Structures are given as structure tokens and as C-alpha cells.
Amino acid sequence: MTLTTALARGAAAGAAGTTALNAVTYLDMTVRGRPASNTPEDSIEKLAGKAGLEIPGDQDTRSNRVAGLAPLTGLSVGVGLGAAFGVVRWLGWRPAPVTGAIVVTLTALVGANGPITVLGTTDPRTWTITDWVSDVVPHLAYGAVTAAVLDQLDAH
């Protein structure tokens, strides 16, 4: 297998994992009747401010752009982490399925929550148990699906 193939397989696995994460999140929103988190959009705003970047447009257009950038960022992180794990597997790391899922899950949690914590958008130390469950369960779905898809793609 080539590096390009490893990247593509990992990206595909990350896309599948991101779909699982989003499905679990939307299911949680549906079951509990909770709104979408504003954390991704707040993070885009803070990141743009810290980088000295202006998101163009009048108030509505700018707000719509931020609303579009937030999920695109999540998709990019999910696909990018999958691609990285594809390369790690290409380099020879072949964990047991459960180990792979746990490592991918933990990496995704750090990849998602690290930047928003550093930006000051949230402080996980103040989260309730419900907040943690709402964050960890979708990331578990991401880790399990990403690792399983990588295992299956590598088996063929």
C-alpha cells in the first residue's frame, strides 16, 4: 500500500466516523430536545479575532458564514484525524480493534476540545456529567467507526 492509499483510506474512515459522530449528536438533540451547541461558532469567532481575520459580510451574511464554517471545521478535523490514523497504520501500528477505537476516541476528544479550551470558548472543568456524556458518547461513535472502517479497508 502507498502513502497516498493510506491517506485516502484514513480520510474515508474519518469521514465515516464523523458521520457517526454527527448522527449520535443529532439523535441526542432529538431525544432530549436540546439545541445545537454554540461552541463551534463561538470558537470560529474567537479564532478569527485572534488571527486578526475579518469574516466579511453584513450582519446576516457574516453570521451565515460563521454558521457554515463551524461544521466545516468539525468535518475537517474528523477527516484529518482519520487520514492521520491511516498513515499511522501504514507505518505499522496495528492495534487490536478495541485499542484502536479507544486511541482514536481519545485523540478525537483532545483534537476537538483542546483548541476550544485553549481559545477560552469553554472550560471542561466546569462541565456537568450530562455535558461530558453529550461530548464523550459521539466521540466514542467516531472512534469506533473510524477504527472499524480502517480495519476493514486494510483487510482488503
Foldseek 3Di string as FASTA:
>chain_A
DDLVVLLVLLLVLLLQLLVLLVVLLVVVCVVVVDDDDCLLLVLVVLVCVVVVHDQDDDPVVSSVVSVVVSVVVVSCLSSVLSSVVSNVVVVPDDDDLVVQLVVQLVVSLCSVPVSSVVSVSDDVVPDDPVRVCSRSVSSSSSSNSSSVSSVVVVVD
